[in-house]
PDB file of N, CA and C in Angstrom:
ATOM      1  N   MET A   1     180.184 135.620  27.896  1.00  0.00           N
ATOM      2  CA  MET A   1     181.491 135.257  28.420  1.00  0.00           C
ATOM      3  C   MET A   1     182.271 134.518  27.319  1.00  0.00           C
ATOM      4  N   PRO A   2     183.540 134.846  27.118  1.00  0.00           N
ATOM      5  CA  PRO A   2     184.318 134.193  26.069  1.00  0.00           C
ATOM      6  C   PRO A   2     184.621 132.730  26.406  1.00  0.00           C
ATOM      7  N   ARG A   3     184.816 131.974  25.369  1.00  0.00           N
ATOM      8  CA  ARG A   3     185.113 130.544  25.521  1.00  0.00           C
ATOM      9  C   ARG A   3     186.554 130.371  25.985  1.00  0.00           C
ATOM     10  N   SER A   4     186.747 129.549  26.998  1.00  0.00           N
ATOM     11  CA  SER A   4     188.084 129.295  27.519  1.00  0.00           C
ATOM     12  C   SER A   4     188.547 127.926  27.014  1.00  0.00           C
ATOM     13  N   VAL A   5     189.705 127.894  26.367  1.00  0.00           N
ATOM     14  CA  VAL A   5     190.166 126.637  25.770  1.00  0.00           C
ATOM     15  C   VAL A   5     191.460 126.117  26.384  1.00  0.00           C
ATOM     16  N   ASN A   6     192.080 126.907  27.237  1.00  0.00           N
ATOM     17  CA  ASN A   6     193.342 126.510  27.883  1.00  0.00           C
ATOM     18  C   ASN A   6     194.365 126.078  26.836  1.00  0.00           C
ATOM     19  N   ALA A   7     194.745 127.020  25.999  1.00  0.00           N
ATOM     20  CA  ALA A   7     195.683 126.735  24.909  1.00  0.00           C
ATOM     21  C   ALA A   7     197.046 126.286  25.411  1.00  0.00           C
ATOM     22  N   VAL A   8     197.429 126.733  26.604  1.00  0.00           N
ATOM     23  CA  VAL A   8     198.736 126.357  27.146  1.00  0.00           C
ATOM     24  C   VAL A   8     198.817 124.841  27.346  1.00  0.00           C
ATOM     25  N   ALA A   9     197.802 124.291  27.966  1.00  0.00           N
ATOM     26  CA  ALA A   9     197.799 122.852  28.232  1.00  0.00           C
ATOM     27  C   ALA A   9     197.670 122.060  26.933  1.00  0.00           C
ATOM     28  N   SER A  10     196.833 122.551  26.002  1.00  0.00           N
ATOM     29  CA  SER A  10     196.664 121.849  24.729  1.00  0.00           C
ATOM     30  C   SER A  10     197.976 121.801  23.955  1.00  0.00           C
ATOM     31  N   ARG A  11     198.645 122.954  23.903  1.00  0.00           N
ATOM     32  CA  ARG A  11     199.922 123.037  23.195  1.00  0.00           C
ATOM     33  C   ARG A  11     200.957 122.105  23.828  1.00  0.00           C
ATOM     34  N   ARG A  12     201.001 122.089  25.160  1.00  0.00           N
ATOM     35  CA  ARG A  12     201.965 121.232  25.857  1.00  0.00           C
ATOM     36  C   ARG A  12     201.694 119.753  25.542  1.00  0.00           C
ATOM     37  N   ARG A  13     200.411 119.392  25.531  1.00  0.00           N
ATOM     38  CA  ARG A  13     200.040 118.008  25.254  1.00  0.00           C
ATOM     39  C   ARG A  13     200.445 117.613  23.840  1.00  0.00           C
ATOM     40  N   ARG A  14     200.195 118.494  22.871  1.00  0.00           N
ATOM     41  CA  ARG A  14     200.560 118.194  21.487  1.00  0.00           C
ATOM     42  C   ARG A  14     202.074 118.151  21.295  1.00  0.00           C
ATOM     43  N   LYS A  15     202.782 119.077  21.941  1.00  0.00           N
ATOM     44  CA  LYS A  15     204.248 119.089  21.817  1.00  0.00           C
ATOM     45  C   LYS A  15     204.851 117.792  22.370  1.00  0.00           C
ATOM     46  N   LYS A  16     204.266 117.306  23.458  1.00  0.00           N
ATOM     47  CA  LYS A  16     204.755 116.065  24.064  1.00  0.00           C
ATOM     48  C   LYS A  16     204.582 114.891  23.100  1.00  0.00           C
ATOM     49  N   MET A  17     203.425 114.841  22.457  1.00  0.00           N
ATOM     50  CA  MET A  17     203.158 113.767  21.500  1.00  0.00           C
ATOM     51  C   MET A  17     204.068 113.884  20.284  1.00  0.00           C
ATOM     52  N   MET A  18     204.270 115.113  19.790  1.00  0.00           N
ATOM     53  CA  MET A  18     205.132 115.314  18.622  1.00  0.00           C
ATOM     54  C   MET A  18     206.586 114.959  18.940  1.00  0.00           C
ATOM     55  N   LYS A  19     206.971 115.154  20.184  1.00  0.00           N
ATOM     56  CA  LYS A  19     208.324 114.783  20.594  1.00  0.00           C
ATOM     57  C   LYS A  19     208.519 113.268  20.483  1.00  0.00           C
ATOM     58  N   HIS A  20     207.479 112.520  20.809  1.00  0.00           N
ATOM     59  CA  HIS A  20     207.549 111.057  20.686  1.00  0.00           C
ATOM     60  C   HIS A  20     207.626 110.619  19.227  1.00  0.00           C
ATOM     61  N   ALA A  21     207.090 111.450  18.319  1.00  0.00           N
ATOM     62  CA  ALA A  21     207.068 111.095  16.892  1.00  0.00           C
ATOM     63  C   ALA A  21     208.365 111.463  16.187  1.00  0.00           C
ATOM     64  N   LYS A  22     209.316 112.041  16.904  1.00  0.00           N
ATOM     65  CA  LYS A  22     210.577 112.451  16.289  1.00  0.00           C
ATOM     66  C   LYS A  22     211.279 111.240  15.687  1.00  0.00           C
ATOM     67  N   GLY A  23     211.747 111.388  14.459  1.00  0.00           N
ATOM     68  CA  GLY A  23     212.453 110.308  13.797  1.00  0.00           C
ATOM     69  C   GLY A  23     211.570 109.483  12.877  1.00  0.00           C
ATOM     70  N   TYR A  24     210.263 109.690  12.913  1.00  0.00           N
ATOM     71  CA  TYR A  24     209.373 108.971  12.011  1.00  0.00           C
ATOM     72  C   TYR A  24     209.506 109.543  10.603  1.00  0.00           C
ATOM     73  N   PHE A  25     209.055 108.804   9.609  1.00  0.00           N
ATOM     74  CA  PHE A  25     209.217 109.191   8.204  1.00  0.00           C
ATOM     75  C   PHE A  25     207.992 109.947   7.700  1.00  0.00           C
ATOM     76  N   GLY A  26     208.230 110.979   6.897  1.00  0.00           N
ATOM     77  CA  GLY A  26     207.151 111.687   6.215  1.00  0.00           C
ATOM     78  C   GLY A  26     206.251 112.443   7.167  1.00  0.00           C
ATOM     79  N   ARG A  27     204.945 112.406   6.876  1.00  0.00           N
ATOM     80  CA  ARG A  27     203.987 113.165   7.675  1.00  0.00           C
ATOM     81  C   ARG A  27     203.820 112.601   9.078  1.00  0.00           C
ATOM     82  N   ARG A  28     204.328 111.421   9.317  1.00  0.00           N
ATOM     83  CA  ARG A  28     204.177 110.820  10.643  1.00  0.00           C
ATOM     84  C   ARG A  28     204.944 111.609  11.700  1.00  0.00           C
ATOM     85  N   LYS A  29     205.907 112.435  11.273  1.00  0.00           N
ATOM     86  CA  LYS A  29     206.690 113.178  12.255  1.00  0.00           C
ATOM     87  C   LYS A  29     206.214 114.610  12.469  1.00  0.00           C
ATOM     88  N   ASN A  30     205.395 115.176  11.555  1.00  0.00           N
ATOM     89  CA  ASN A  30     205.081 116.586  11.726  1.00  0.00           C
ATOM     90  C   ASN A  30     203.614 116.968  11.510  1.00  0.00           C
ATOM     91  N   VAL A  31     202.746 116.036  11.168  1.00  0.00           N
ATOM     92  CA  VAL A  31     201.314 116.328  11.055  1.00  0.00           C
ATOM     93  C   VAL A  31     200.629 115.725  12.276  1.00  0.00           C
ATOM     94  N   TRP A  32     199.890 116.563  12.996  1.00  0.00           N
ATOM     95  CA  TRP A  32     199.383 116.171  14.307  1.00  0.00           C
ATOM     96  C   TRP A  32     198.613 114.859  14.301  1.00  0.00           C
ATOM     97  N   THR A  33     197.567 114.730  13.463  1.00  0.00           N
ATOM     98  CA  THR A  33     196.722 113.545  13.547  1.00  0.00           C
ATOM     99  C   THR A  33     197.482 112.286  13.125  1.00  0.00           C
ATOM    100  N   VAL A  34     198.296 112.406  12.086  1.00  0.00           N
ATOM    101  CA  VAL A  34     199.066 111.253  11.615  1.00  0.00           C
ATOM    102  C   VAL A  34     200.089 110.846  12.674  1.00  0.00           C
ATOM    103  N   ALA A  35     200.773 111.843  13.241  1.00  0.00           N
ATOM    104  CA  ALA A  35     201.784 111.559  14.263  1.00  0.00           C
ATOM    105  C   ALA A  35     201.151 110.927  15.500  1.00  0.00           C
ATOM    106  N   LYS A  36     200.006 111.450  15.915  1.00  0.00           N
ATOM    107  CA  LYS A  36     199.330 110.915  17.095  1.00  0.00           C
ATOM    108  C   LYS A  36     198.957 109.447  16.887  1.00  0.00           C
ATOM    109  N   ASN A  37     198.403 109.147  15.715  1.00  0.00           N
ATOM    110  CA  ASN A  37     198.039 107.759  15.414  1.00  0.00           C
ATOM    111  C   ASN A  37     199.262 106.860  15.375  1.00  0.00           C
ATOM    112  N   ALA A  38     200.346 107.352  14.765  1.00  0.00           N
ATOM    113  CA  ALA A  38     201.562 106.548  14.653  1.00  0.00           C
ATOM    114  C   ALA A  38     202.167 106.265  16.025  1.00  0.00           C
ATOM    115  N   VAL A  39     202.210 107.284  16.878  1.00  0.00           N
ATOM    116  CA  VAL A  39     202.788 107.111  18.216  1.00  0.00           C
ATOM    117  C   VAL A  39     201.940 106.156  19.050  1.00  0.00           C
ATOM    118  N   GLU A  40     200.613 106.328  18.999  1.00  0.00           N
ATOM    119  CA  GLU A  40     199.746 105.444  19.782  1.00  0.00           C
ATOM    120  C   GLU A  40     199.858 104.000  19.307  1.00  0.00           C
ATOM    121  N   LYS A  41     199.953 103.803  17.995  1.00  0.00           N
ATOM    122  CA  LYS A  41     200.127 102.456  17.459  1.00  0.00           C
ATOM    123  C   LYS A  41     201.468 101.876  17.902  1.00  0.00           C
ATOM    124  N   GLY A  42     202.486 102.725  17.903  1.00  0.00           N
ATOM    125  CA  GLY A  42     203.799 102.284  18.375  1.00  0.00           C
ATOM    126  C   GLY A  42     203.769 101.843  19.820  1.00  0.00           C
ATOM    127  N   TRP A  43     203.007 102.579  20.645  1.00  0.00           N
ATOM    128  CA  TRP A  43     202.882 102.187  22.044  1.00  0.00           C
ATOM    129  C   TRP A  43     202.151 100.863  22.195  1.00  0.00           C
ATOM    130  N   GLN A  44     201.178 100.605  21.327  1.00  0.00           N
ATOM    131  CA  GLN A  44     200.478  99.315  21.358  1.00  0.00           C
ATOM    132  C   GLN A  44     201.440  98.176  21.027  1.00  0.00           C
ATOM    133  N   TYR A  45     202.245  98.393  19.981  1.00  0.00           N
ATOM    134  CA  TYR A  45     203.220  97.368  19.602  1.00  0.00           C
ATOM    135  C   TYR A  45     204.233  97.139  20.727  1.00  0.00           C
ATOM    136  N   ALA A  46     204.670  98.223  21.348  1.00  0.00           N
ATOM    137  CA  ALA A  46     205.662  98.104  22.418  1.00  0.00           C
ATOM    138  C   ALA A  46     205.098  97.305  23.590  1.00  0.00           C
ATOM    139  N   TYR A  47     203.841  97.581  23.950  1.00  0.00           N
ATOM    140  CA  TYR A  47     203.210  96.859  25.057  1.00  0.00           C
ATOM    141  C   TYR A  47     203.102  95.374  24.724  1.00  0.00           C
ATOM    142  N   ARG A  48     202.623  95.083  23.503  1.00  0.00           N
ATOM    143  CA  ARG A  48     202.450  93.691  23.091  1.00  0.00           C
ATOM    144  C   ARG A  48     203.793  92.959  23.060  1.00  0.00           C
ATOM    145  N   ASP A  49     204.799  93.622  22.506  1.00  0.00           N
ATOM    146  CA  ASP A  49     206.069  92.937  22.292  1.00  0.00           C
ATOM    147  C   ASP A  49     206.911  92.807  23.551  1.00  0.00           C
ATOM    148  N   ARG A  50     206.598  93.591  24.591  1.00  0.00           N
ATOM    149  CA  ARG A  50     207.254  93.327  25.872  1.00  0.00           C
ATOM    150  C   ARG A  50     206.838  91.957  26.395  1.00  0.00           C
ATOM    151  N   LYS A  51     205.586  91.559  26.118  1.00  0.00           N
ATOM    152  CA  LYS A  51     205.125  90.226  26.514  1.00  0.00           C
ATOM    153  C   LYS A  51     205.734  89.154  25.600  1.00  0.00           C
ATOM    154  N   ASN A  52     205.749  89.435  24.290  1.00  0.00           N
ATOM    155  CA  ASN A  52     206.264  88.456  23.332  1.00  0.00           C
ATOM    156  C   ASN A  52     207.752  88.188  23.535  1.00  0.00           C
ATOM    157  N   LYS A  53     208.486  89.213  23.974  1.00  0.00           N
ATOM    158  CA  LYS A  53     209.920  89.057  24.204  1.00  0.00           C
ATOM    159  C   LYS A  53     210.184  87.962  25.242  1.00  0.00           C
ATOM    160  N   LYS A  54     209.385  87.941  26.284  1.00  0.00           N
ATOM    161  CA  LYS A  54     209.544  86.921  27.324  1.00  0.00           C
ATOM    162  C   LYS A  54     209.282  85.529  26.761  1.00  0.00           C
ATOM    163  N   ARG A  55     208.233  85.431  25.912  1.00  0.00           N
ATOM    164  CA  ARG A  55     207.917  84.146  25.282  1.00  0.00           C
ATOM    165  C   ARG A  55     209.054  83.680  24.392  1.00  0.00           C
ATOM    166  N   ASN A  56     209.569  84.612  23.591  1.00  0.00           N
ATOM    167  CA  ASN A  56     210.614  84.249  22.625  1.00  0.00           C
ATOM    168  C   ASN A  56     211.884  83.787  23.324  1.00  0.00           C
ATOM    169  N   PHE A  57     212.256  84.470  24.412  1.00  0.00           N
ATOM    170  CA  PHE A  57     213.457  84.055  25.128  1.00  0.00           C
ATOM    171  C   PHE A  57     213.260  82.689  25.771  1.00  0.00           C
ATOM    172  N   ARG A  58     212.076  82.429  26.314  1.00  0.00           N
ATOM    173  CA  ARG A  58     211.826  81.110  26.905  1.00  0.00           C
ATOM    174  C   ARG A  58     211.938  80.016  25.847  1.00  0.00           C
ATOM    175  N   ARG A  59     211.396  80.270  24.644  1.00  0.00           N
ATOM    176  CA  ARG A  59     211.510  79.298  23.551  1.00  0.00           C
ATOM    177  C   ARG A  59     212.965  79.051  23.185  1.00  0.00           C
ATOM    178  N   LEU A  60     213.751  80.132  23.122  1.00  0.00           N
ATOM    179  CA  LEU A  60     215.173  79.999  22.799  1.00  0.00           C
ATOM    180  C   LEU A  60     215.902  79.173  23.850  1.00  0.00           C
ATOM    181  N   TRP A  61     215.630  79.459  25.136  1.00  0.00           N
ATOM    182  CA  TRP A  61     216.287  78.708  26.204  1.00  0.00           C
ATOM    183  C   TRP A  61     215.923  77.237  26.137  1.00  0.00           C
ATOM    184  N   ILE A  62     214.652  76.935  25.883  1.00  0.00           N
ATOM    185  CA  ILE A  62     214.218  75.536  25.810  1.00  0.00           C
ATOM    186  C   ILE A  62     214.924  74.828  24.654  1.00  0.00           C
ATOM    187  N   THR A  63     215.047  75.511  23.513  1.00  0.00           N
ATOM    188  CA  THR A  63     215.728  74.924  22.364  1.00  0.00           C
ATOM    189  C   THR A  63     217.181  74.610  22.692  1.00  0.00           C
ATOM    190  N   ARG A  64     217.856  75.526  23.361  1.00  0.00           N
ATOM    191  CA  ARG A  64     219.269  75.320  23.705  1.00  0.00           C
ATOM    192  C   ARG A  64     219.441  74.213  24.732  1.00  0.00           C
ATOM    193  N   ILE A  65     218.555  74.159  25.724  1.00  0.00           N
ATOM    194  CA  ILE A  65     218.636  73.088  26.727  1.00  0.00           C
ATOM    195  C   ILE A  65     218.385  71.743  26.064  1.00  0.00           C
ATOM    196  N   ASN A  66     217.404  71.694  25.173  1.00  0.00           N
ATOM    197  CA  ASN A  66     217.087  70.451  24.453  1.00  0.00           C
ATOM    198  C   ASN A  66     218.295  69.970  23.655  1.00  0.00           C
ATOM    199  N   ALA A  67     218.950  70.896  22.944  1.00  0.00           N
ATOM    200  CA  ALA A  67     220.129  70.514  22.146  1.00  0.00           C
ATOM    201  C   ALA A  67     221.225  69.972  23.051  1.00  0.00           C
ATOM    202  N   GLY A  68     221.473  70.659  24.174  1.00  0.00           N
ATOM    203  CA  GLY A  68     222.507  70.194  25.096  1.00  0.00           C
ATOM    204  C   GLY A  68     222.159  68.859  25.723  1.00  0.00           C
ATOM    205  N   ALA A  69     220.907  68.668  26.070  1.00  0.00           N
ATOM    206  CA  ALA A  69     220.485  67.405  26.694  1.00  0.00           C
ATOM    207  C   ALA A  69     220.613  66.253  25.705  1.00  0.00           C
ATOM    208  N   ARG A  70     220.221  66.492  24.451  1.00  0.00           N
ATOM    209  CA  ARG A  70     220.294  65.426  23.452  1.00  0.00           C
ATOM    210  C   ARG A  70     221.733  65.046  23.132  1.00  0.00           C
ATOM    211  N   LEU A  71     222.660  65.994  23.217  1.00  0.00           N
ATOM    212  CA  LEU A  71     224.079  65.652  23.044  1.00  0.00           C
ATOM    213  C   LEU A  71     224.548  64.707  24.143  1.00  0.00           C
ATOM    214  N   ASN A  72     223.872  64.764  25.287  1.00  0.00           N
ATOM    215  CA  ASN A  72     224.230  63.907  26.416  1.00  0.00           C
ATOM    216  C   ASN A  72     223.267  62.735  26.594  1.00  0.00           C
ATOM    217  N   GLY A  73     222.458  62.464  25.575  1.00  0.00           N
ATOM    218  CA  GLY A  73     221.626  61.263  25.574  1.00  0.00           C
ATOM    219  C   GLY A  73     220.316  61.357  26.337  1.00  0.00           C
ATOM    220  N   MET A  74     219.751  62.543  26.439  1.00  0.00           N
ATOM    221  CA  MET A  74     218.455  62.710  27.102  1.00  0.00           C
ATOM    222  C   MET A  74     217.583  63.633  26.273  1.00  0.00           C
ATOM    223  N   SER A  75     216.277  63.514  26.475  1.00  0.00           N
ATOM    224  CA  SER A  75     215.376  64.478  25.847  1.00  0.00           C
ATOM    225  C   SER A  75     215.180  65.644  26.811  1.00  0.00           C
ATOM    226  N   TYR A  76     214.612  66.719  26.307  1.00  0.00           N
ATOM    227  CA  TYR A  76     214.373  67.906  27.135  1.00  0.00           C
ATOM    228  C   TYR A  76     213.440  67.584  28.299  1.00  0.00           C
ATOM    229  N   SER A  77     212.350  66.865  28.003  1.00  0.00           N
ATOM    230  CA  SER A  77     211.364  66.606  29.061  1.00  0.00           C
ATOM    231  C   SER A  77     211.938  65.700  30.146  1.00  0.00           C
ATOM    232  N   GLN A  78     212.704  64.697  29.745  1.00  0.00           N
ATOM    233  CA  GLN A  78     213.350  63.829  30.740  1.00  0.00           C
ATOM    234  C   GLN A  78     214.319  64.637  31.608  1.00  0.00           C
ATOM    235  N   PHE A  79     215.081  65.489  30.938  1.00  0.00           N
ATOM    236  CA  PHE A  79     216.081  66.290  31.646  1.00  0.00           C
ATOM    237  C   PHE A  79     215.423  67.225  32.651  1.00  0.00           C
ATOM    238  N   MET A  80     214.402  67.976  32.210  1.00  0.00           N
ATOM    239  CA  MET A  80     213.762  68.937  33.102  1.00  0.00           C
ATOM    240  C   MET A  80     213.014  68.237  34.237  1.00  0.00           C
ATOM    241  N   GLY A  81     212.414  67.084  33.925  1.00  0.00           N
ATOM    242  CA  GLY A  81     211.779  66.312  34.988  1.00  0.00           C
ATOM    243  C   GLY A  81     212.784  65.883  36.035  1.00  0.00           C
ATOM    244  N   GLY A  82     213.961  65.438  35.583  1.00  0.00           N
ATOM    245  CA  GLY A  82     215.023  65.040  36.505  1.00  0.00           C
ATOM    246  C   GLY A  82     215.569  66.208  37.304  1.00  0.00           C
ATOM    247  N   VAL A  83     215.701  67.362  36.659  1.00  0.00           N
ATOM    248  CA  VAL A  83     216.200  68.559  37.351  1.00  0.00           C
ATOM    249  C   VAL A  83     215.270  68.917  38.501  1.00  0.00           C
ATOM    250  N   HIS A  84     213.959  68.885  38.251  1.00  0.00           N
ATOM    251  CA  HIS A  84     213.006  69.229  39.305  1.00  0.00           C
ATOM    252  C   HIS A  84     212.972  68.145  40.387  1.00  0.00           C
ATOM    253  N   ALA A  85     213.106  66.886  39.970  1.00  0.00           N
ATOM    254  CA  ALA A  85     213.071  65.787  40.940  1.00  0.00           C
ATOM    255  C   ALA A  85     214.284  65.829  41.872  1.00  0.00           C
ATOM    256  N   LYS A  86     215.447  66.182  41.336  1.00  0.00           N
ATOM    257  CA  LYS A  86     216.675  66.239  42.140  1.00  0.00           C
ATOM    258  C   LYS A  86     216.767  67.527  42.950  1.00  0.00           C
ATOM    259  N   GLY A  87     215.870  68.471  42.700  1.00  0.00           N
ATOM    260  CA  GLY A  87     215.882  69.725  43.464  1.00  0.00           C
ATOM    261  C   GLY A  87     216.964  70.686  43.037  1.00  0.00           C
ATOM    262  N   ILE A  88     217.374  70.623  41.785  1.00  0.00           N
ATOM    263  CA  ILE A  88     218.392  71.545  41.277  1.00  0.00           C
ATOM    264  C   ILE A  88     217.706  72.883  41.005  1.00  0.00           C
ATOM    265  N   GLU A  89     218.181  73.936  41.654  1.00  0.00           N
ATOM    266  CA  GLU A  89     217.518  75.244  41.608  1.00  0.00           C
ATOM    267  C   GLU A  89     218.114  76.146  40.531  1.00  0.00           C
ATOM    268  N   LEU A  90     218.214  75.651  39.309  1.00  0.00           N
ATOM    269  CA  LEU A  90     218.693  76.471  38.190  1.00  0.00           C
ATOM    270  C   LEU A  90     217.535  76.699  37.233  1.00  0.00           C
ATOM    271  N   ASN A  91     217.347  77.949  36.825  1.00  0.00           N
ATOM    272  CA  ASN A  91     216.260  78.232  35.891  1.00  0.00           C
ATOM    273  C   ASN A  91     216.701  77.972  34.454  1.00  0.00           C
ATOM    274  N   ARG A  92     215.770  78.090  33.533  1.00  0.00           N
ATOM    275  CA  ARG A  92     216.054  77.774  32.135  1.00  0.00           C
ATOM    276  C   ARG A  92     217.089  78.701  31.525  1.00  0.00           C
ATOM    277  N   LYS A  93     217.093  79.946  31.952  1.00  0.00           N
ATOM    278  CA  LYS A  93     218.061  80.908  31.423  1.00  0.00           C
ATOM    279  C   LYS A  93     219.491  80.457  31.742  1.00  0.00           C
ATOM    280  N   VAL A  94     219.721  80.059  32.985  1.00  0.00           N
ATOM    281  CA  VAL A  94     221.053  79.630  33.414  1.00  0.00           C
ATOM    282  C   VAL A  94     221.414  78.303  32.758  1.00  0.00           C
ATOM    283  N   LEU A  95     220.454  77.374  32.710  1.00  0.00           N
ATOM    284  CA  LEU A  95     220.731  76.078  32.079  1.00  0.00           C
ATOM    285  C   LEU A  95     221.066  76.243  30.608  1.00  0.00           C
ATOM    286  N   ALA A  96     220.365  77.134  29.915  1.00  0.00           N
ATOM    287  CA  ALA A  96     220.640  77.378  28.497  1.00  0.00           C
ATOM    288  C   ALA A  96     222.032  77.966  28.311  1.00  0.00           C
ATOM    289  N   ASP A  97     222.423  78.876  29.199  1.00  0.00           N
ATOM    290  CA  ASP A  97     223.761  79.468  29.116  1.00  0.00           C
ATOM    291  C   ASP A  97     224.828  78.408  29.343  1.00  0.00           C
ATOM    292  N   LEU A  98     224.599  77.532  30.309  1.00  0.00           N
ATOM    293  CA  LEU A  98     225.558  76.445  30.555  1.00  0.00           C
ATOM    294  C   LEU A  98     225.634  75.504  29.355  1.00  0.00           C
ATOM    295  N   ALA A  99     224.490  75.167  28.780  1.00  0.00           N
ATOM    296  CA  ALA A  99     224.466  74.243  27.645  1.00  0.00           C
ATOM    297  C   ALA A  99     225.219  74.815  26.457  1.00  0.00           C
ATOM    298  N   MET A 100     225.140  76.124  26.281  1.00  0.00           N
ATOM    299  CA  MET A 100     225.758  76.734  25.110  1.00  0.00           C
ATOM    300  C   MET A 100     227.222  77.082  25.340  1.00  0.00           C
ATOM    301  N   ASN A 101     227.546  77.684  26.481  1.00  0.00           N
ATOM    302  CA  ASN A 101     228.889  78.219  26.699  1.00  0.00           C
ATOM    303  C   ASN A 101     229.795  77.345  27.558  1.00  0.00           C
ATOM    304  N   HIS A 102     229.208  76.451  28.352  1.00  0.00           N
ATOM    305  CA  HIS A 102     229.995  75.586  29.228  1.00  0.00           C
ATOM    306  C   HIS A 102     229.462  74.156  29.139  1.00  0.00           C
ATOM    307  N   PRO A 103     229.685  73.488  28.003  1.00  0.00           N
ATOM    308  CA  PRO A 103     229.091  72.155  27.831  1.00  0.00           C
ATOM    309  C   PRO A 103     229.558  71.124  28.855  1.00  0.00           C
ATOM    310  N   GLU A 104     230.798  71.270  29.357  1.00  0.00           N
ATOM    311  CA  GLU A 104     231.284  70.293  30.341  1.00  0.00           C
ATOM    312  C   GLU A 104     230.519  70.432  31.660  1.00  0.00           C
ATOM    313  N   ALA A 105     230.215  71.642  32.064  1.00  0.00           N
ATOM    314  CA  ALA A 105     229.422  71.857  33.285  1.00  0.00           C
ATOM    315  C   ALA A 105     228.000  71.337  33.082  1.00  0.00           C
ATOM    316  N   PHE A 106     227.450  71.561  31.887  1.00  0.00           N
ATOM    317  CA  PHE A 106     226.091  71.072  31.598  1.00  0.00           C
ATOM    318  C   PHE A 106     226.075  69.547  31.614  1.00  0.00           C
ATOM    319  N   ALA A 107     227.143  68.920  31.094  1.00  0.00           N
ATOM    320  CA  ALA A 107     227.230  67.461  31.086  1.00  0.00           C
ATOM    321  C   ALA A 107     227.230  66.922  32.514  1.00  0.00           C
ATOM    322  N   GLU A 108     227.864  67.634  33.442  1.00  0.00           N
ATOM    323  CA  GLU A 108     227.867  67.212  34.851  1.00  0.00           C
ATOM    324  C   GLU A 108     226.456  67.253  35.433  1.00  0.00           C
ATOM    325  N   ILE A 109     225.707  68.286  35.082  1.00  0.00           N
ATOM    326  CA  ILE A 109     224.323  68.380  35.557  1.00  0.00           C
ATOM    327  C   ILE A 109     223.507  67.219  35.003  1.00  0.00           C
ATOM    328  N   VAL A 110     223.720  66.886  33.707  1.00  0.00           N
ATOM    329  CA  VAL A 110     222.991  65.774  33.104  1.00  0.00           C
ATOM    330  C   VAL A 110     223.346  64.468  33.821  1.00  0.00           C
ATOM    331  N   LYS A 111     224.620  64.294  34.195  1.00  0.00           N
ATOM    332  CA  LYS A 111     225.025  63.082  34.927  1.00  0.00           C
ATOM    333  C   LYS A 111     224.300  62.990  36.263  1.00  0.00           C
ATOM    334  N   LYS A 112     224.190  64.115  36.962  1.00  0.00           N
ATOM    335  CA  LYS A 112     223.484  64.102  38.248  1.00  0.00           C
ATOM    336  C   LYS A 112     222.006  63.767  38.072  1.00  0.00           C
ATOM    337  N   VAL A 113     221.427  64.227  36.964  1.00  0.00           N
ATOM    338  CA  VAL A 113     219.992  63.993  36.721  1.00  0.00           C
ATOM    339  C   VAL A 113     219.748  62.543  36.341  1.00  0.00           C
ATOM    340  N   LYS A 114     220.683  61.909  35.632  1.00  0.00           N
ATOM    341  CA  LYS A 114     220.481  60.529  35.158  1.00  0.00           C
ATOM    342  C   LYS A 114     220.390  59.540  36.267  1.00  0.00           C
TER     343      LYS A 114
END
């Protein structure tokens, strides 16, 4: 009995992977093994950096809140402790936006926390 390899499915699988490699430089875009490795590595980086993106934005927000709080005579930890104690339901993203783009509104929040 002849060997069955299901070339249709194999070809479809390879074409799908090569489509993901479109735009890569050199052999990474048109040689199967190199392209497969490059695409899989890219997916690993993408997975990792989706997590890192959240960390980086949180760090940025904390830095901006700290700068705004210090302009109003408080440290970041004092400010955030006061925000939680007063029951102010604003997250770091919103507080950072207020500190950067609306300093007068942020100053009012700092007054309430003090």
